[in-house]
N, C-alpha and C. Protein backbone atom coordinates (compact mmCIF):
# COMPACT_ATOMS: atom_id res chain seq x y z
N MET A 1 0.87 -1.36 0.22
CA MET A 1 -0.15 -0.22 0.16
C MET A 1 0.78 1.44 0.04
N PHE A 2 1.72 1.13 0.88
CA PHE A 2 2.76 2.33 1.01
C PHE A 2 3.44 2.64 -0.11
N LEU A 3 3.82 1.33 -0.86
CA LEU A 3 4.94 1.47 -1.83
C LEU A 3 3.89 2.13 -3.30
N GLU A 4 2.52 1.56 -3.25
CA GLU A 4 1.90 1.75 -4.27
C GLU A 4 1.67 3.58 -4.04
N ASN A 5 1.55 3.77 -3.23
CA ASN A 5 1.43 5.61 -2.90
C ASN A 5 2.68 6.20 -3.31
N ILE A 6 3.67 5.72 -3.28
CA ILE A 6 4.82 6.54 -3.60
C ILE A 6 5.02 6.38 -5.01
N LYS A 7 4.82 5.15 -5.80
CA LYS A 7 4.71 5.16 -7.02
C LYS A 7 3.75 6.17 -7.63
N GLU A 8 2.63 6.18 -7.15
CA GLU A 8 1.71 6.87 -7.71
C GLU A 8 2.19 8.48 -7.71
N ALA A 9 2.50 9.03 -6.40
CA ALA A 9 3.19 10.22 -6.52
C ALA A 9 4.32 10.63 -7.45
N ILE A 10 5.20 9.88 -7.27
CA ILE A 10 6.23 10.05 -8.34
C ILE A 10 5.69 10.10 -9.92
N THR A 11 4.77 9.33 -10.32
CA THR A 11 4.09 9.06 -11.65
C THR A 11 3.30 10.57 -11.89
N SER A 12 2.64 11.02 -10.81
CA SER A 12 1.83 12.21 -10.76
C SER A 12 3.03 13.47 -10.85
N ILE A 13 4.16 13.54 -10.27
CA ILE A 13 5.05 14.27 -10.49
C ILE A 13 5.51 14.44 -11.72
N PHE A 14 6.02 13.44 -12.30
CA PHE A 14 6.49 13.39 -13.55
C PHE A 14 5.46 13.69 -14.88
N SER A 15 4.20 13.58 -14.67
CA SER A 15 2.99 13.69 -15.44
C SER A 15 2.71 15.07 -15.48
N ASN A 16 2.84 15.80 -14.63
CA ASN A 16 2.32 17.28 -14.53
C ASN A 16 3.55 17.87 -14.08
N LYS A 17 4.49 18.00 -15.08
CA LYS A 17 5.73 18.67 -14.70
C LYS A 17 5.69 20.22 -14.36
N MET A 18 4.72 20.77 -15.22
CA MET A 18 4.51 22.42 -15.17
C MET A 18 4.10 22.58 -13.63
N ARG A 19 2.99 21.80 -13.01
CA ARG A 19 2.31 22.08 -12.00
C ARG A 19 3.45 22.01 -10.70
N SER A 20 4.04 20.96 -10.94
CA SER A 20 5.20 20.75 -9.93
C SER A 20 6.36 21.49 -9.91
N VAL A 21 6.89 21.96 -10.81
CA VAL A 21 7.95 23.08 -10.82
C VAL A 21 6.99 24.49 -10.51
N LEU A 22 5.76 24.66 -10.73
CA LEU A 22 5.45 25.97 -10.25
C LEU A 22 5.14 25.68 -8.66
N THR A 23 4.80 24.69 -8.17
CA THR A 23 4.52 24.35 -6.72
C THR A 23 5.85 24.18 -6.06
N MET A 24 6.92 24.05 -6.41
CA MET A 24 8.36 24.26 -5.93
C MET A 24 8.83 25.50 -5.94
N LEU A 25 8.31 26.32 -6.87
CA LEU A 25 8.66 27.71 -7.10
C LEU A 25 8.09 28.40 -5.84
N GLY A 26 6.59 28.11 -5.80
CA GLY A 26 5.96 28.57 -4.66
C GLY A 26 6.52 28.33 -3.22
N ILE A 27 6.88 27.42 -3.24
CA ILE A 27 7.62 26.88 -1.64
C ILE A 27 8.90 27.76 -1.50
N ILE A 28 9.85 27.53 -2.19
CA ILE A 28 11.16 28.30 -2.66
C ILE A 28 10.88 29.99 -2.48
N ILE A 29 9.68 30.59 -2.90
CA ILE A 29 9.59 31.87 -2.86
C ILE A 29 9.23 32.21 -1.35
N GLY A 30 7.97 31.45 -0.81
CA GLY A 30 7.50 31.51 0.63
C GLY A 30 8.58 31.29 1.73
N ILE A 31 9.67 30.25 1.45
CA ILE A 31 10.60 29.99 2.53
C ILE A 31 11.45 31.06 2.28
N SER A 32 12.06 31.77 1.06
CA SER A 32 12.78 33.06 0.98
C SER A 32 12.01 34.17 1.68
N ALA A 33 10.70 34.37 1.33
CA ALA A 33 10.14 35.66 2.05
C ALA A 33 10.10 35.69 3.54
N VAL A 34 9.96 34.32 4.30
CA VAL A 34 9.96 34.25 5.42
C VAL A 34 11.45 34.60 6.29
N ILE A 35 12.53 34.17 5.67
CA ILE A 35 13.75 34.11 6.13
C ILE A 35 13.91 35.69 5.88
N THR A 36 13.72 36.29 4.70
CA THR A 36 14.05 37.72 4.61
C THR A 36 13.54 38.50 5.46
N ILE A 37 12.09 38.34 5.87
CA ILE A 37 11.37 39.27 6.77
C ILE A 37 12.02 39.02 8.11
N THR A 38 12.30 37.72 8.39
CA THR A 38 12.95 37.39 9.78
C THR A 38 14.23 38.14 9.94
N THR A 39 15.24 38.22 8.97
CA THR A 39 16.64 38.81 8.79
C THR A 39 16.33 40.26 8.99
N ILE A 40 15.17 40.74 8.14
CA ILE A 40 15.08 42.34 8.44
C ILE A 40 14.55 42.70 9.80
N GLY A 41 13.78 41.86 10.29
CA GLY A 41 13.10 42.28 11.71
C GLY A 41 14.17 41.86 12.76
N ASN A 42 15.28 41.05 12.80
CA ASN A 42 16.37 40.85 13.42
C ASN A 42 17.18 42.24 13.51
N SER A 43 17.74 42.66 12.36
CA SER A 43 18.41 43.49 11.87
C SER A 43 17.78 44.83 12.54
N ILE A 44 16.62 45.14 12.59
CA ILE A 44 16.00 46.37 12.81
C ILE A 44 16.21 46.52 14.59
N GLN A 45 15.87 45.17 15.02
CA GLN A 45 15.69 45.04 16.53
C GLN A 45 17.17 45.45 17.01
N THR A 46 18.16 44.83 16.58
CA THR A 46 19.65 45.06 16.96
C THR A 46 20.24 46.55 16.72
N THR A 47 19.63 47.11 15.65
CA THR A 47 20.05 48.45 15.29
C THR A 47 19.46 49.51 16.40
N LEU A 48 18.04 49.00 16.63
CA LEU A 48 17.33 49.94 17.51
C LEU A 48 17.89 50.10 19.14
N THR A 49 18.12 48.76 19.42
CA THR A 49 18.44 48.67 20.69
C THR A 49 20.16 49.03 20.89
N SER A 50 21.00 49.08 19.85
CA SER A 50 22.36 49.71 20.03
C SER A 50 22.35 51.23 19.84
N THR A 51 21.26 51.64 19.37
CA THR A 51 21.10 53.15 19.00
C THR A 51 20.66 53.68 20.29
N LEU A 52 19.74 53.06 20.99
CA LEU A 52 19.09 53.29 22.25
C LEU A 52 20.08 53.30 23.60
N ILE A 53 20.73 52.17 23.40
CA ILE A 53 21.73 52.17 24.38
C ILE A 53 22.81 53.38 24.34
N HIS A 54 23.49 53.55 23.08
CA HIS A 54 24.22 54.57 22.79
C HIS A 54 23.53 56.11 23.34
N TRP A 55 22.37 55.96 22.98
CA TRP A 55 21.53 57.50 23.28
C TRP A 55 21.66 57.64 24.66
N VAL A 56 21.10 56.43 25.44
CA VAL A 56 20.85 56.69 26.96
C VAL A 56 22.40 56.61 27.50
N ALA A 57 23.43 56.18 27.04
CA ALA A 57 24.94 56.46 27.57
C ALA A 57 25.34 58.09 27.63
N ILE A 58 24.79 58.46 26.37
CA ILE A 58 25.29 59.70 26.04
C ILE A 58 24.46 60.69 27.22
N ARG A 59 22.98 60.56 27.05
CA ARG A 59 22.46 61.23 28.08
C ARG A 59 22.70 61.27 29.71
N PHE A 60 23.20 60.12 30.10
CA PHE A 60 23.47 59.71 31.57
C PHE A 60 24.99 60.50 31.74
N ARG A 61 25.89 60.47 30.79
CA ARG A 61 27.15 60.94 30.58
C ARG A 61 27.12 62.49 30.91
N HIS A 62 26.15 62.78 30.08
CA HIS A 62 25.72 64.54 30.00
C HIS A 62 25.18 64.91 31.33
N MET A 63 24.34 64.04 31.77
CA MET A 63 23.81 64.70 33.36
C MET A 63 24.73 64.62 34.34
N TRP A 64 25.55 63.38 34.34
CA TRP A 64 26.94 63.19 35.03
C TRP A 64 27.53 64.42 35.20
N MET A 65 28.22 64.80 34.17
CA MET A 65 29.09 65.81 33.79
C MET A 65 28.35 67.05 34.39
N GLN A 66 27.18 67.28 34.15
CA GLN A 66 26.51 68.42 34.87
C GLN A 66 26.44 68.41 36.24
N ASP A 67 26.35 67.57 36.77
CA ASP A 67 26.38 67.22 38.56
C ASP A 67 27.94 67.55 38.85
N ILE A 68 28.93 67.03 38.28
CA ILE A 68 30.04 67.28 38.53
C ILE A 68 30.46 68.67 38.49
N ARG A 69 30.02 69.10 37.10
CA ARG A 69 30.29 70.89 37.22
C ARG A 69 29.55 71.60 38.20
N LYS A 70 28.21 71.38 38.44
CA LYS A 70 27.72 71.84 39.74
C LYS A 70 28.49 71.63 41.13
N MET A 71 28.62 70.26 41.30
CA MET A 71 29.52 70.20 42.62
C MET A 71 30.88 70.97 42.62
N MET A 72 31.71 71.22 41.37
CA MET A 72 32.91 71.86 41.69
C MET A 72 32.69 73.37 41.85
N GLN A 73 31.55 73.89 41.30
CA GLN A 73 31.41 75.22 41.46
C GLN A 73 30.66 75.48 43.07
N THR A 74 29.82 74.74 43.41
CA THR A 74 29.28 75.09 44.55
C THR A 74 30.10 74.42 46.03
N GLY A 75 31.04 73.37 45.57
CA GLY A 75 31.53 72.63 46.46
C GLY A 75 30.69 71.24 47.02
N ILE A 76 31.70 70.42 47.52
CA ILE A 76 30.92 69.15 47.65
C ILE A 76 30.35 69.12 48.89
N PRO A 77 28.98 68.46 48.79
CA PRO A 77 28.22 68.63 50.15
C PRO A 77 28.85 67.87 51.15
N GLY A 78 28.91 68.57 52.28
CA GLY A 78 29.65 67.38 53.54
C GLY A 78 30.84 67.69 53.62
N ASN A 79 31.57 68.63 52.74
CA ASN A 79 33.23 68.96 52.89
C ASN A 79 33.15 70.12 53.70
N THR A 80 33.89 69.89 54.86
CA THR A 80 34.08 70.99 55.74
C THR A 80 35.53 71.61 55.48
N ARG A 81 36.41 70.87 54.97
CA ARG A 81 37.71 71.56 54.67
C ARG A 81 37.63 72.48 53.40
N LYS A 82 38.23 73.84 53.87
CA LYS A 82 38.56 74.74 52.86
C LYS A 82 39.96 75.09 52.57
């Protein structure tokens, strides 16, 4: 029974060559589209993550430098030596 089904499938593939080729082409295009969209999504996620980390680091460094400048101008809190 199983071997008969295999023989019939192979016969069907070779008797309908155009349909078989178009089916394979559709499967190949579909898989390629999924891989492409996944790759684009991962690239966008990586780019946005690194950009956000860079922006946050610059922002915190800027805030930290402002705090240091303010302490240098006004003096360090709790420092009684002059």
